[in-house]
Structure formats: structure tokens, C-alpha cells
mmCIF file of all heavy atoms, coordinates in Angstrom:
data_MODEL
# 
_entry.id   MODEL 
# 
loop_
_atom_site.group_PDB 
_atom_site.id 
_atom_site.type_symbol 
_atom_site.label_atom_id 
_atom_site.label_alt_id 
_atom_site.label_comp_id 
_atom_site.label_asym_id 
_atom_site.label_entity_id 
_atom_site.label_seq_id 
_atom_site.pdbx_PDB_ins_code 
_atom_site.Cartn_x 
_atom_site.Cartn_y 
_atom_site.Cartn_z 
_atom_site.occupancy 
_atom_site.B_iso_or_equiv 
_atom_site.pdbx_formal_charge 
_atom_site.auth_seq_id 
_atom_site.auth_comp_id 
_atom_site.auth_asym_id 
_atom_site.auth_atom_id 
_atom_site.pdbx_PDB_model_num 
ATOM 1   N N   . ARG A 1 1  ? 0.829   -1.209 0.000   1.00 0.00 ? 1  ARG A N   1 
ATOM 2   C CA  . ARG A 1 1  ? 0.000   0.000  0.000   1.00 0.00 ? 1  ARG A CA  1 
ATOM 3   C C   . ARG A 1 1  ? 0.858   1.251  0.000   1.00 0.00 ? 1  ARG A C   1 
ATOM 4   O O   . ARG A 1 1  ? 0.555   2.235  -0.690  1.00 0.00 ? 1  ARG A O   1 
ATOM 5   C CB  . ARG A 1 1  ? -0.927  -0.007 1.213   1.00 0.00 ? 1  ARG A CB  1 
ATOM 6   C CG  . ARG A 1 1  ? -1.948  1.110  1.183   1.00 0.00 ? 1  ARG A CG  1 
ATOM 7   C CD  . ARG A 1 1  ? -2.998  0.948  2.267   1.00 0.00 ? 1  ARG A CD  1 
ATOM 8   N NE  . ARG A 1 1  ? -3.980  2.016  2.203   1.00 0.00 ? 1  ARG A NE  1 
ATOM 9   C CZ  . ARG A 1 1  ? -4.985  2.151  3.042   1.00 0.00 ? 1  ARG A CZ  1 
ATOM 10  N NH1 . ARG A 1 1  ? -5.150  1.267  4.025   1.00 0.00 ? 1  ARG A NH1 1 
ATOM 11  N NH2 . ARG A 1 1  ? -5.844  3.153  2.920   1.00 0.00 ? 1  ARG A NH2 1 
ATOM 12  N N   . SER A 1 2  ? 1.948   1.203  0.757   1.00 0.00 ? 2  SER A N   1 
ATOM 13  C CA  . SER A 1 2  ? 2.861   2.345  0.803   1.00 0.00 ? 2  SER A CA  1 
ATOM 14  C C   . SER A 1 2  ? 3.493   2.590  -0.573  1.00 0.00 ? 2  SER A C   1 
ATOM 15  O O   . SER A 1 2  ? 3.631   3.741  -1.001  1.00 0.00 ? 2  SER A O   1 
ATOM 16  C CB  . SER A 1 2  ? 3.946   2.096  1.846   1.00 0.00 ? 2  SER A CB  1 
ATOM 17  O OG  . SER A 1 2  ? 4.924   3.129  1.822   1.00 0.00 ? 2  SER A OG  1 
ATOM 18  N N   . ASP A 1 3  ? 3.855   1.523  -1.258  1.00 0.00 ? 3  ASP A N   1 
ATOM 19  C CA  . ASP A 1 3  ? 4.451   1.671  -2.593  1.00 0.00 ? 3  ASP A CA  1 
ATOM 20  C C   . ASP A 1 3  ? 3.488   2.360  -3.553  1.00 0.00 ? 3  ASP A C   1 
ATOM 21  O O   . ASP A 1 3  ? 3.875   3.265  -4.304  1.00 0.00 ? 3  ASP A O   1 
ATOM 22  C CB  . ASP A 1 3  ? 4.816   0.293  -3.157  1.00 0.00 ? 3  ASP A CB  1 
ATOM 23  C CG  . ASP A 1 3  ? 6.076   -0.288 -2.515  1.00 0.00 ? 3  ASP A CG  1 
ATOM 24  O OD1 . ASP A 1 3  ? 6.814   0.482  -1.873  1.00 0.00 ? 3  ASP A OD1 1 
ATOM 25  O OD2 . ASP A 1 3  ? 6.301   -1.501 -2.664  1.00 0.00 ? 3  ASP A OD2 1 
ATOM 26  N N   . LEU A 1 4  ? 2.235   1.953  -3.533  1.00 0.00 ? 4  LEU A N   1 
ATOM 27  C CA  . LEU A 1 4  ? 1.266   2.552  -4.448  1.00 0.00 ? 4  LEU A CA  1 
ATOM 28  C C   . LEU A 1 4  ? 0.965   4.002  -4.067  1.00 0.00 ? 4  LEU A C   1 
ATOM 29  O O   . LEU A 1 4  ? 0.724   4.839  -4.934  1.00 0.00 ? 4  LEU A O   1 
ATOM 30  C CB  . LEU A 1 4  ? -0.017  1.716  -4.475  1.00 0.00 ? 4  LEU A CB  1 
ATOM 31  C CG  . LEU A 1 4  ? 0.141   0.296  -5.021  1.00 0.00 ? 4  LEU A CG  1 
ATOM 32  C CD1 . LEU A 1 4  ? -1.200  -0.419 -5.100  1.00 0.00 ? 4  LEU A CD1 1 
ATOM 33  C CD2 . LEU A 1 4  ? 0.815   0.289  -6.389  1.00 0.00 ? 4  LEU A CD2 1 
ATOM 34  N N   . ARG A 1 5  ? 1.013   4.294  -2.769  1.00 0.00 ? 5  ARG A N   1 
ATOM 35  C CA  . ARG A 1 5  ? 0.839   5.689  -2.351  1.00 0.00 ? 5  ARG A CA  1 
ATOM 36  C C   . ARG A 1 5  ? 1.987   6.558  -2.875  1.00 0.00 ? 5  ARG A C   1 
ATOM 37  O O   . ARG A 1 5  ? 1.785   7.714  -3.260  1.00 0.00 ? 5  ARG A O   1 
ATOM 38  C CB  . ARG A 1 5  ? 0.770   5.771  -0.828  1.00 0.00 ? 5  ARG A CB  1 
ATOM 39  C CG  . ARG A 1 5  ? -0.606  5.401  -0.250  1.00 0.00 ? 5  ARG A CG  1 
ATOM 40  C CD  . ARG A 1 5  ? -0.553  5.391  1.259   1.00 0.00 ? 5  ARG A CD  1 
ATOM 41  N NE  . ARG A 1 5  ? -1.873  5.244  1.868   1.00 0.00 ? 5  ARG A NE  1 
ATOM 42  C CZ  . ARG A 1 5  ? -2.072  4.997  3.144   1.00 0.00 ? 5  ARG A CZ  1 
ATOM 43  N NH1 . ARG A 1 5  ? -1.024  4.865  3.969   1.00 0.00 ? 5  ARG A NH1 1 
ATOM 44  N NH2 . ARG A 1 5  ? -3.302  4.872  3.628   1.00 0.00 ? 5  ARG A NH2 1 
ATOM 45  N N   . LYS A 1 6  ? 3.194   5.999  -2.866  1.00 0.00 ? 6  LYS A N   1 
ATOM 46  C CA  . LYS A 1 6  ? 4.346   6.749  -3.391  1.00 0.00 ? 6  LYS A CA  1 
ATOM 47  C C   . LYS A 1 6  ? 4.153   7.051  -4.874  1.00 0.00 ? 6  LYS A C   1 
ATOM 48  O O   . LYS A 1 6  ? 4.450   8.160  -5.343  1.00 0.00 ? 6  LYS A O   1 
ATOM 49  C CB  . LYS A 1 6  ? 5.629   5.951  -3.167  1.00 0.00 ? 6  LYS A CB  1 
ATOM 50  C CG  . LYS A 1 6  ? 6.075   5.871  -1.721  1.00 0.00 ? 6  LYS A CG  1 
ATOM 51  C CD  . LYS A 1 6  ? 7.332   5.016  -1.587  1.00 0.00 ? 6  LYS A CD  1 
ATOM 52  C CE  . LYS A 1 6  ? 7.757   4.890  -0.129  1.00 0.00 ? 6  LYS A CE  1 
ATOM 53  N NZ  . LYS A 1 6  ? 8.941   4.002  0.028   1.00 0.00 ? 6  LYS A NZ  1 
ATOM 54  N N   . LEU A 1 7  ? 3.649   6.071  -5.608  1.00 0.00 ? 7  LEU A N   1 
ATOM 55  C CA  . LEU A 1 7  ? 3.418   6.291  -7.037  1.00 0.00 ? 7  LEU A CA  1 
ATOM 56  C C   . LEU A 1 7  ? 2.284   7.286  -7.264  1.00 0.00 ? 7  LEU A C   1 
ATOM 57  O O   . LEU A 1 7  ? 2.297   8.043  -8.234  1.00 0.00 ? 7  LEU A O   1 
ATOM 58  C CB  . LEU A 1 7  ? 3.109   4.962  -7.730  1.00 0.00 ? 7  LEU A CB  1 
ATOM 59  C CG  . LEU A 1 7  ? 4.249   3.935  -7.729  1.00 0.00 ? 7  LEU A CG  1 
ATOM 60  C CD1 . LEU A 1 7  ? 3.827   2.666  -8.445  1.00 0.00 ? 7  LEU A CD1 1 
ATOM 61  C CD2 . LEU A 1 7  ? 5.514   4.512  -8.367  1.00 0.00 ? 7  LEU A CD2 1 
ATOM 62  N N   . GLU A 1 8  ? 1.324   7.301  -6.328  1.00 0.00 ? 8  GLU A N   1 
ATOM 63  C CA  . GLU A 1 8  ? 0.260   8.296  -6.409  1.00 0.00 ? 8  GLU A CA  1 
ATOM 64  C C   . GLU A 1 8  ? 0.831   9.691  -6.154  1.00 0.00 ? 8  GLU A C   1 
ATOM 65  O O   . GLU A 1 8  ? 0.496   10.654 -6.867  1.00 0.00 ? 8  GLU A O   1 
ATOM 66  C CB  . GLU A 1 8  ? -0.836  7.980  -5.392  1.00 0.00 ? 8  GLU A CB  1 
ATOM 67  C CG  . GLU A 1 8  ? -1.996  8.971  -5.434  1.00 0.00 ? 8  GLU A CG  1 
ATOM 68  C CD  . GLU A 1 8  ? -3.031  8.693  -4.351  1.00 0.00 ? 8  GLU A CD  1 
ATOM 69  O OE1 . GLU A 1 8  ? -2.686  8.040  -3.338  1.00 0.00 ? 8  GLU A OE1 1 
ATOM 70  O OE2 . GLU A 1 8  ? -4.179  9.148  -4.513  1.00 0.00 ? 8  GLU A OE2 1 
ATOM 71  N N   . SER A 1 9  ? 1.695   9.805  -5.180  1.00 0.00 ? 9  SER A N   1 
ATOM 72  C CA  . SER A 1 9  ? 2.287   11.110 -4.862  1.00 0.00 ? 9  SER A CA  1 
ATOM 73  C C   . SER A 1 9  ? 3.149   11.630 -6.009  1.00 0.00 ? 9  SER A C   1 
ATOM 74  O O   . SER A 1 9  ? 3.308   12.849 -6.174  1.00 0.00 ? 9  SER A O   1 
ATOM 75  C CB  . SER A 1 9  ? 3.128   11.013 -3.578  1.00 0.00 ? 9  SER A CB  1 
ATOM 76  O OG  . SER A 1 9  ? 4.296   10.234 -3.796  1.00 0.00 ? 9  SER A OG  1 
ATOM 77  N N   . ALA A 1 10 ? 3.698   10.704 -6.794  1.00 0.00 ? 10 ALA A N   1 
ATOM 78  C CA  . ALA A 1 10 ? 4.530   11.104 -7.929  1.00 0.00 ? 10 ALA A CA  1 
ATOM 79  C C   . ALA A 1 10 ? 3.691   11.440 -9.161  1.00 0.00 ? 10 ALA A C   1 
ATOM 80  O O   . ALA A 1 10 ? 4.236   11.837 -10.195 1.00 0.00 ? 10 ALA A O   1 
ATOM 81  C CB  . ALA A 1 10 ? 5.507   9.974  -8.273  1.00 0.00 ? 10 ALA A CB  1 
ATOM 82  N N   . GLY A 1 11 ? 2.371   11.297 -9.037  1.00 0.00 ? 11 GLY A N   1 
ATOM 83  C CA  . GLY A 1 11 ? 1.494   11.620 -10.153 1.00 0.00 ? 11 GLY A CA  1 
ATOM 84  C C   . GLY A 1 11 ? 1.381   10.522 -11.193 1.00 0.00 ? 11 GLY A C   1 
ATOM 85  O O   . GLY A 1 11 ? 0.847   10.746 -12.286 1.00 0.00 ? 11 GLY A O   1 
ATOM 86  N N   . ILE A 1 12 ? 1.873   9.319  -10.855 1.00 0.00 ? 12 ILE A N   1 
ATOM 87  C CA  . ILE A 1 12 ? 1.820   8.195  -11.796 1.00 0.00 ? 12 ILE A CA  1 
ATOM 88  C C   . ILE A 1 12 ? 0.490   7.468  -11.691 1.00 0.00 ? 12 ILE A C   1 
ATOM 89  O O   . ILE A 1 12 ? -0.092  7.053  -12.703 1.00 0.00 ? 12 ILE A O   1 
ATOM 90  C CB  . ILE A 1 12 ? 3.000   7.233  -11.549 1.00 0.00 ? 12 ILE A CB  1 
ATOM 91  C CG1 . ILE A 1 12 ? 4.324   7.945  -11.857 1.00 0.00 ? 12 ILE A CG1 1 
ATOM 92  C CG2 . ILE A 1 12 ? 2.857   5.955  -12.375 1.00 0.00 ? 12 ILE A CG2 1 
ATOM 93  C CD1 . ILE A 1 12 ? 5.556   7.135  -11.486 1.00 0.00 ? 12 ILE A CD1 1 
ATOM 94  N N   . LEU A 1 13 ? 0.000   7.318  -10.474 1.00 0.00 ? 13 LEU A N   1 
ATOM 95  C CA  . LEU A 1 13 ? -1.246  6.602  -10.225 1.00 0.00 ? 13 LEU A CA  1 
ATOM 96  C C   . LEU A 1 13 ? -2.320  7.531  -9.658  1.00 0.00 ? 13 LEU A C   1 
ATOM 97  O O   . LEU A 1 13 ? -2.001  8.563  -9.049  1.00 0.00 ? 13 LEU A O   1 
ATOM 98  C CB  . LEU A 1 13 ? -1.016  5.445  -9.243  1.00 0.00 ? 13 LEU A CB  1 
ATOM 99  C CG  . LEU A 1 13 ? -0.184  4.261  -9.728  1.00 0.00 ? 13 LEU A CG  1 
ATOM 100 C CD1 . LEU A 1 13 ? -0.016  3.245  -8.602  1.00 0.00 ? 13 LEU A CD1 1 
ATOM 101 C CD2 . LEU A 1 13 ? -0.815  3.603  -10.951 1.00 0.00 ? 13 LEU A CD2 1 
ATOM 102 N N   . HIS A 1 14 ? -3.569  7.115  -9.851  1.00 0.00 ? 14 HIS A N   1 
ATOM 103 C CA  . HIS A 1 14 ? -4.714  7.797  -9.250  1.00 0.00 ? 14 HIS A CA  1 
ATOM 104 C C   . HIS A 1 14 ? -5.568  6.736  -8.567  1.00 0.00 ? 14 HIS A C   1 
ATOM 105 O O   . HIS A 1 14 ? -5.774  5.652  -9.108  1.00 0.00 ? 14 HIS A O   1 
ATOM 106 C CB  . HIS A 1 14 ? -5.536  8.529  -10.313 1.00 0.00 ? 14 HIS A CB  1 
ATOM 107 C CG  . HIS A 1 14 ? -4.738  9.507  -11.113 1.00 0.00 ? 14 HIS A CG  1 
ATOM 108 N ND1 . HIS A 1 14 ? -4.467  10.784 -10.675 1.00 0.00 ? 14 HIS A ND1 1 
ATOM 109 C CD2 . HIS A 1 14 ? -4.133  9.386  -12.317 1.00 0.00 ? 14 HIS A CD2 1 
ATOM 110 C CE1 . HIS A 1 14 ? -3.736  11.413 -11.574 1.00 0.00 ? 14 HIS A CE1 1 
ATOM 111 N NE2 . HIS A 1 14 ? -3.525  10.587 -12.592 1.00 0.00 ? 14 HIS A NE2 1 
ATOM 112 N N   . LYS A 1 15 ? -6.075  7.082  -7.385  1.00 0.00 ? 15 LYS A N   1 
ATOM 113 C CA  . LYS A 1 15 ? -6.840  6.100  -6.639  1.00 0.00 ? 15 LYS A CA  1 
ATOM 114 C C   . LYS A 1 15 ? -8.237  5.924  -7.236  1.00 0.00 ? 15 LYS A C   1 
ATOM 115 O O   . LYS A 1 15 ? -8.883  6.888  -7.637  1.00 0.00 ? 15 LYS A O   1 
ATOM 116 C CB  . LYS A 1 15 ? -6.965  6.526  -5.178  1.00 0.00 ? 15 LYS A CB  1 
ATOM 117 C CG  . LYS A 1 15 ? -7.527  5.436  -4.262  1.00 0.00 ? 15 LYS A CG  1 
ATOM 118 C CD  . LYS A 1 15 ? -7.479  5.854  -2.795  1.00 0.00 ? 15 LYS A CD  1 
ATOM 119 C CE  . LYS A 1 15 ? -8.001  4.741  -1.901  1.00 0.00 ? 15 LYS A CE  1 
ATOM 120 N NZ  . LYS A 1 15 ? -7.982  5.129  -0.474  1.00 0.00 ? 15 LYS A NZ  1 
ATOM 121 N N   . LEU A 1 16 ? -8.660  4.660  -7.326  1.00 0.00 ? 16 LEU A N   1 
ATOM 122 C CA  . LEU A 1 16 ? -10.010 4.343  -7.769  1.00 0.00 ? 16 LEU A CA  1 
ATOM 123 C C   . LEU A 1 16 ? -10.944 4.376  -6.562  1.00 0.00 ? 16 LEU A C   1 
ATOM 124 O O   . LEU A 1 16 ? -10.661 3.749  -5.544  1.00 0.00 ? 16 LEU A O   1 
ATOM 125 C CB  . LEU A 1 16 ? -10.053 2.956  -8.420  1.00 0.00 ? 16 LEU A CB  1 
ATOM 126 C CG  . LEU A 1 16 ? -9.475  2.845  -9.832  1.00 0.00 ? 16 LEU A CG  1 
ATOM 127 C CD1 . LEU A 1 16 ? -9.309  1.386  -10.219 1.00 0.00 ? 16 LEU A CD1 1 
ATOM 128 C CD2 . LEU A 1 16 ? -10.358 3.561  -10.826 1.00 0.00 ? 16 LEU A CD2 1 
ATOM 129 N N   . GLU A 1 17 ? -12.042 5.073  -6.698  1.00 0.00 ? 17 GLU A N   1 
ATOM 130 C CA  . GLU A 1 17 ? -13.004 5.180  -5.603  1.00 0.00 ? 17 GLU A CA  1 
ATOM 131 C C   . GLU A 1 17 ? -14.143 4.177  -5.804  1.00 0.00 ? 17 GLU A C   1 
ATOM 132 O O   . GLU A 1 17 ? -14.424 3.742  -6.917  1.00 0.00 ? 17 GLU A O   1 
ATOM 133 C CB  . GLU A 1 17 ? -13.570 6.598  -5.535  1.00 0.00 ? 17 GLU A CB  1 
ATOM 134 C CG  . GLU A 1 17 ? -12.514 7.684  -5.372  1.00 0.00 ? 17 GLU A CG  1 
ATOM 135 C CD  . GLU A 1 17 ? -11.755 7.597  -4.042  1.00 0.00 ? 17 GLU A CD  1 
ATOM 136 O OE1 . GLU A 1 17 ? -12.274 6.944  -3.107  1.00 0.00 ? 17 GLU A OE1 1 
ATOM 137 O OE2 . GLU A 1 17 ? -10.658 8.184  -3.947  1.00 0.00 ? 17 GLU A OE2 1 
ATOM 138 N N   . ASP A 1 18 ? -14.777 3.825  -4.697  1.00 0.00 ? 18 ASP A N   1 
ATOM 139 C CA  . ASP A 1 18 ? -15.981 2.981  -4.722  1.00 0.00 ? 18 ASP A CA  1 
ATOM 140 C C   . ASP A 1 18 ? -15.748 1.633  -5.383  1.00 0.00 ? 18 ASP A C   1 
ATOM 141 O O   . ASP A 1 18 ? -16.559 1.146  -6.175  1.00 0.00 ? 18 ASP A O   1 
ATOM 142 C CB  . ASP A 1 18 ? -17.135 3.708  -5.431  1.00 0.00 ? 18 ASP A CB  1 
ATOM 143 C CG  . ASP A 1 18 ? -17.480 5.026  -4.756  1.00 0.00 ? 18 ASP A CG  1 
ATOM 144 O OD1 . ASP A 1 18 ? -17.457 5.078  -3.515  1.00 0.00 ? 18 ASP A OD1 1 
ATOM 145 O OD2 . ASP A 1 18 ? -17.775 5.999  -5.473  1.00 0.00 ? 18 ASP A OD2 1 
ATOM 146 N N   . VAL A 1 19 ? -14.599 1.027  -5.100  1.00 0.00 ? 19 VAL A N   1 
ATOM 147 C CA  . VAL A 1 19 ? -14.337 -0.338 -5.554  1.00 0.00 ? 19 VAL A CA  1 
ATOM 148 C C   . VAL A 1 19 ? -14.074 -1.204 -4.329  1.00 0.00 ? 19 VAL A C   1 
ATOM 149 O O   . VAL A 1 19 ? -13.761 -0.707 -3.247  1.00 0.00 ? 19 VAL A O   1 
ATOM 150 C CB  . VAL A 1 19 ? -13.138 -0.404 -6.528  1.00 0.00 ? 19 VAL A CB  1 
ATOM 151 C CG1 . VAL A 1 19 ? -13.459 0.328  -7.806  1.00 0.00 ? 19 VAL A CG1 1 
ATOM 152 C CG2 . VAL A 1 19 ? -11.872 0.178  -5.891  1.00 0.00 ? 19 VAL A CG2 1 
ATOM 153 N N   . GLY A 1 20 ? -14.181 -2.513 -4.502  1.00 0.00 ? 20 GLY A N   1 
ATOM 154 C CA  . GLY A 1 20 ? -14.092 -3.415 -3.356  1.00 0.00 ? 20 GLY A CA  1 
ATOM 155 C C   . GLY A 1 20 ? -12.746 -3.409 -2.670  1.00 0.00 ? 20 GLY A C   1 
ATOM 156 O O   . GLY A 1 20 ? -12.657 -3.395 -1.442  1.00 0.00 ? 20 GLY A O   1 
ATOM 157 N N   . GLN A 1 21 ? -11.673 -3.420 -3.455  1.00 0.00 ? 21 GLN A N   1 
ATOM 158 C CA  . GLN A 1 21 ? -10.330 -3.431 -2.887  1.00 0.00 ? 21 GLN A CA  1 
ATOM 159 C C   . GLN A 1 21 ? -9.639  -2.096 -3.177  1.00 0.00 ? 21 GLN A C   1 
ATOM 160 O O   . GLN A 1 21 ? -10.005 -1.402 -4.132  1.00 0.00 ? 21 GLN A O   1 
ATOM 161 C CB  . GLN A 1 21 ? -9.506  -4.567 -3.501  1.00 0.00 ? 21 GLN A CB  1 
ATOM 162 C CG  . GLN A 1 21 ? -10.089 -5.947 -3.263  1.00 0.00 ? 21 GLN A CG  1 
ATOM 163 C CD  . GLN A 1 21 ? -9.150  -7.027 -3.772  1.00 0.00 ? 21 GLN A CD  1 
ATOM 164 O OE1 . GLN A 1 21 ? -8.023  -7.161 -3.303  1.00 0.00 ? 21 GLN A OE1 1 
ATOM 165 N NE2 . GLN A 1 21 ? -9.613  -7.809 -4.727  1.00 0.00 ? 21 GLN A NE2 1 
ATOM 166 N N   . ILE A 1 22 ? -8.651  -1.781 -2.357  1.00 0.00 ? 22 ILE A N   1 
ATOM 167 C CA  . ILE A 1 22 ? -7.917  -0.536 -2.584  1.00 0.00 ? 22 ILE A CA  1 
ATOM 168 C C   . ILE A 1 22 ? -7.142  -0.683 -3.891  1.00 0.00 ? 22 ILE A C   1 
ATOM 169 O O   . ILE A 1 22 ? -6.273  -1.552 -4.025  1.00 0.00 ? 22 ILE A O   1 
ATOM 170 C CB  . ILE A 1 22 ? -6.974  -0.231 -1.414  1.00 0.00 ? 22 ILE A CB  1 
ATOM 171 C CG1 . ILE A 1 22 ? -7.786  -0.033 -0.129  1.00 0.00 ? 22 ILE A CG1 1 
ATOM 172 C CG2 . ILE A 1 22 ? -6.148  1.008  -1.707  1.00 0.00 ? 22 ILE A CG2 1 
ATOM 173 C CD1 . ILE A 1 22 ? -6.943  0.213  1.101   1.00 0.00 ? 22 ILE A CD1 1 
ATOM 174 N N   . SER A 1 23 ? -7.488  0.153  -4.840  1.00 0.00 ? 23 SER A N   1 
ATOM 175 C CA  . SER A 1 23 ? -6.935  0.022  -6.189  1.00 0.00 ? 23 SER A CA  1 
ATOM 176 C C   . SER A 1 23 ? -6.557  1.387  -6.743  1.00 0.00 ? 23 SER A C   1 
ATOM 177 O O   . SER A 1 23 ? -7.124  2.414  -6.369  1.00 0.00 ? 23 SER A O   1 
ATOM 178 C CB  . SER A 1 23 ? -7.965  -0.641 -7.128  1.00 0.00 ? 23 SER A CB  1 
ATOM 179 O OG  . SER A 1 23 ? -8.444  -1.860 -6.592  1.00 0.00 ? 23 SER A OG  1 
ATOM 180 N N   . TYR A 1 24 ? -5.612  1.362  -7.670  1.00 0.00 ? 24 TYR A N   1 
ATOM 181 C CA  . TYR A 1 24 ? -5.156  2.569  -8.341  1.00 0.00 ? 24 TYR A CA  1 
ATOM 182 C C   . TYR A 1 24 ? -5.102  2.286  -9.843  1.00 0.00 ? 24 TYR A C   1 
ATOM 183 O O   . TYR A 1 24 ? -5.046  1.133  -10.264 1.00 0.00 ? 24 TYR A O   1 
ATOM 184 C CB  . TYR A 1 24 ? -3.755  2.967  -7.855  1.00 0.00 ? 24 TYR A CB  1 
ATOM 185 C CG  . TYR A 1 24 ? -3.686  3.325  -6.391  1.00 0.00 ? 24 TYR A CG  1 
ATOM 186 C CD1 . TYR A 1 24 ? -3.641  2.330  -5.414  1.00 0.00 ? 24 TYR A CD1 1 
ATOM 187 C CD2 . TYR A 1 24 ? -3.645  4.655  -5.980  1.00 0.00 ? 24 TYR A CD2 1 
ATOM 188 C CE1 . TYR A 1 24 ? -3.566  2.653  -4.061  1.00 0.00 ? 24 TYR A CE1 1 
ATOM 189 C CE2 . TYR A 1 24 ? -3.574  4.992  -4.633  1.00 0.00 ? 24 TYR A CE2 1 
ATOM 190 C CZ  . TYR A 1 24 ? -3.532  3.982  -3.683  1.00 0.00 ? 24 TYR A CZ  1 
ATOM 191 O OH  . TYR A 1 24 ? -3.454  4.302  -2.343  1.00 0.00 ? 24 TYR A OH  1 
ATOM 192 N N   . TYR A 1 25 ? -5.125  3.350  -10.640 1.00 0.00 ? 25 TYR A N   1 
ATOM 193 C CA  . TYR A 1 25 ? -4.982  3.155  -12.076 1.00 0.00 ? 25 TYR A CA  1 
ATOM 194 C C   . TYR A 1 25 ? -4.121  4.263  -12.662 1.00 0.00 ? 25 TYR A C   1 
ATOM 195 O O   . TYR A 1 25 ? -3.960  5.327  -12.067 1.00 0.00 ? 25 TYR A O   1 
ATOM 196 C CB  . TYR A 1 25 ? -6.347  3.129  -12.768 1.00 0.00 ? 25 TYR A CB  1 
ATOM 197 C CG  . TYR A 1 25 ? -6.980  4.489  -12.982 1.00 0.00 ? 25 TYR A CG  1 
ATOM 198 C CD1 . TYR A 1 25 ? -7.025  5.079  -14.242 1.00 0.00 ? 25 TYR A CD1 1 
ATOM 199 C CD2 . TYR A 1 25 ? -7.553  5.189  -11.914 1.00 0.00 ? 25 TYR A CD2 1 
ATOM 200 C CE1 . TYR A 1 25 ? -7.608  6.317  -14.428 1.00 0.00 ? 25 TYR A CE1 1 
ATOM 201 C CE2 . TYR A 1 25 ? -8.138  6.422  -12.094 1.00 0.00 ? 25 TYR A CE2 1 
ATOM 202 C CZ  . TYR A 1 25 ? -8.165  6.991  -13.365 1.00 0.00 ? 25 TYR A CZ  1 
ATOM 203 O OH  . TYR A 1 25 ? -8.730  8.221  -13.543 1.00 0.00 ? 25 TYR A OH  1 
ATOM 204 N N   . CYS A 1 26 ? -3.565  3.969  -13.818 1.00 0.00 ? 26 CYS A N   1 
ATOM 205 C CA  . CYS A 1 26 ? -2.714  4.937  -14.510 1.00 0.00 ? 26 CYS A CA  1 
ATOM 206 C C   . CYS A 1 26 ? -3.476  5.455  -15.717 1.00 0.00 ? 26 CYS A C   1 
ATOM 207 O O   . CYS A 1 26 ? -3.582  4.760  -16.740 1.00 0.00 ? 26 CYS A O   1 
ATOM 208 C CB  . CYS A 1 26 ? -1.397  4.290  -14.935 1.00 0.00 ? 26 CYS A CB  1 
ATOM 209 S SG  . CYS A 1 26 ? -0.306  5.441  -15.795 1.00 0.00 ? 26 CYS A SG  1 
ATOM 210 N N   . SER A 1 27 ? -4.016  6.647  -15.608 1.00 0.00 ? 27 SER A N   1 
ATOM 211 C CA  . SER A 1 27 ? -4.828  7.203  -16.688 1.00 0.00 ? 27 SER A CA  1 
ATOM 212 C C   . SER A 1 27 ? -3.998  7.478  -17.941 1.00 0.00 ? 27 SER A C   1 
ATOM 213 O O   . SER A 1 27 ? -4.503  7.358  -19.062 1.00 0.00 ? 27 SER A O   1 
ATOM 214 C CB  . SER A 1 27 ? -5.515  8.483  -16.227 1.00 0.00 ? 27 SER A CB  1 
ATOM 215 O OG  . SER A 1 27 ? -4.553  9.456  -15.832 1.00 0.00 ? 27 SER A OG  1 
ATOM 216 N N   . SER A 1 28 ? -2.726  7.825  -17.769 1.00 0.00 ? 28 SER A N   1 
ATOM 217 C CA  . SER A 1 28 ? -1.880  8.141  -18.927 1.00 0.00 ? 28 SER A CA  1 
ATOM 218 C C   . SER A 1 28 ? -1.703  6.928  -19.829 1.00 0.00 ? 28 SER A C   1 
ATOM 219 O O   . SER A 1 28 ? -1.800  7.021  -21.056 1.00 0.00 ? 28 SER A O   1 
ATOM 220 C CB  . SER A 1 28 ? -0.514  8.647  -18.462 1.00 0.00 ? 28 SER A CB  1 
ATOM 221 O OG  . SER A 1 28 ? -0.639  9.798  -17.661 1.00 0.00 ? 28 SER A OG  1 
# 
């Protein structure tokens, strides 16, 4: 989870809301 948060902070990932598991996606 910490790794994905780091990628979110770097602007690489965005968190997906209202899904069953904590998930992120790369819109680019």
C-alpha cells in the first residue's frame, strides 16, 4: 500500500473510488 501511495504522490497513479479493494490506475 505504501508503494502505491508513493506512485500516487509522484502523479503516476490515481486512486479508484468505490471499488471493493484498494486500487489505483494509470490514466496516462
